[in-house]
Protein backbone atom coordinates (compact mmCIF):
# COMPACT_ATOMS: atom_id res chain seq x y z
CA UNK A 1 0.00 0.00 0.00
CA UNK A 2 1.57 3.29 1.11
CA UNK A 3 4.98 2.07 2.26
CA UNK A 4 6.19 1.74 -1.34
CA UNK A 5 5.60 5.44 -2.07
CA UNK A 6 8.52 7.83 -1.57
CA UNK A 7 7.69 11.41 -0.61
CA UNK A 8 9.80 14.51 -0.23
CA UNK A 9 10.05 15.71 3.36
CA UNK A 10 8.12 18.86 2.47
CA UNK A 11 5.30 16.80 0.94
CA UNK A 12 5.22 14.45 3.93
CA UNK A 13 5.03 17.42 6.27
CA UNK A 14 2.22 18.97 4.23
CA UNK A 15 0.18 15.74 4.15
CA UNK A 16 0.51 15.43 7.94
CA UNK A 17 -0.50 19.08 8.32
CA UNK A 18 -3.54 18.59 6.07
CA UNK A 19 -4.54 15.44 7.96
CA UNK A 20 -4.44 17.37 11.28
CA UNK A 21 -6.54 20.24 9.92
CA UNK A 22 -10.20 19.82 10.78
CA UNK A 23 -11.51 21.47 7.61
CA UNK A 24 -9.32 19.59 5.12
CA UNK A 25 -11.18 16.50 3.90
CA UNK A 26 -9.41 13.27 3.05
CA UNK A 27 -10.60 13.79 -0.52
CA UNK A 28 -8.46 16.95 -0.80
CA UNK A 29 -5.39 14.98 0.30
CA UNK A 30 -6.20 12.32 -2.27
CA UNK A 31 -6.65 14.93 -5.00
CA UNK A 32 -3.34 16.67 -4.22
CA UNK A 33 -1.14 13.70 -3.24
CA UNK A 34 -2.93 10.58 -4.51
CA UNK A 35 -3.31 9.13 -1.00
CA UNK A 36 -6.70 7.72 -0.07
CA UNK A 37 -7.94 7.69 3.52
CA UNK A 38 -6.41 4.31 4.46
CA UNK A 39 -3.05 5.47 3.02
CA UNK A 40 -3.23 8.69 5.05
CA UNK A 41 -4.00 6.69 8.18
CA UNK A 42 -1.00 4.45 7.52
CA UNK A 43 1.22 7.49 6.83
CA UNK A 44 0.13 9.05 10.12
CA UNK A 45 0.70 5.76 11.98
CA UNK A 46 4.24 5.52 10.58
CA UNK A 47 5.22 9.15 11.18
CA UNK A 48 3.62 10.13 14.50
CA UNK A 49 4.34 9.00 18.02
CA UNK A 50 1.87 6.33 19.10
CA UNK A 51 0.10 8.69 21.51
CA UNK A 52 -0.19 11.41 18.86
CA UNK A 53 -1.55 8.95 16.32
CA UNK A 54 -4.18 7.69 18.79
CA UNK A 55 -5.21 11.26 19.60
CA UNK A 56 -5.49 12.11 15.89
CA UNK A 57 -7.52 8.97 15.08
CA UNK A 58 -9.91 9.67 17.93
CA UNK A 59 -10.37 13.23 16.69
CA UNK A 60 -10.94 12.51 13.00
CA UNK A 61 -12.98 9.31 13.23
CA UNK A 62 -16.44 10.20 12.00
CA UNK A 63 -15.66 13.92 11.85
CA UNK A 64 -18.01 15.42 9.28
CA UNK A 65 -15.50 17.99 8.01
CA UNK A 66 -12.95 15.27 7.15
CA UNK A 67 -15.32 13.53 4.72
CA UNK A 68 -16.97 15.44 1.87
CA UNK A 69 -20.04 13.19 1.80
CA UNK A 70 -20.72 13.92 5.49
CA UNK A 71 -19.96 17.64 5.25
CA UNK A 72 -22.72 20.24 5.29
CA UNK A 73 -23.39 21.93 1.96
CA UNK A 74 -22.77 25.22 3.80
CA UNK A 75 -19.04 24.42 3.93
CA UNK A 76 -17.72 25.27 0.49
CA UNK A 77 -13.97 25.34 1.10
CA UNK A 78 -11.39 22.89 2.38
CA UNK A 79 -9.21 25.39 4.19
CA UNK A 80 -9.76 28.00 6.84
CA UNK A 81 -9.74 31.49 5.29
CA UNK A 82 -7.00 32.51 7.76
CA UNK A 83 -4.79 29.53 6.95
CA UNK A 84 -1.36 30.06 5.45
CA UNK A 85 -1.53 29.51 1.70
CA UNK A 86 1.06 27.05 0.33
CA UNK A 87 2.39 27.60 -3.17
């Protein structure tokens, strides 16, 4: 699955950042980096401390803003308007 994919450190850091963000859906990560939700979970498991991974999983499991199909139609963007814009 994911372990065969090589990523630049900057890309790895950005995927982790996007996964932590409440408003960034898994679909946005897949669109930008080609990683589906199970691949993101595996990436997080491999790159976070165990306690951080467990905290993240507890937070994102079932979170409506992390899944486009669960998200309210009122939410039309993936990122917070105050978030730093990456080039």
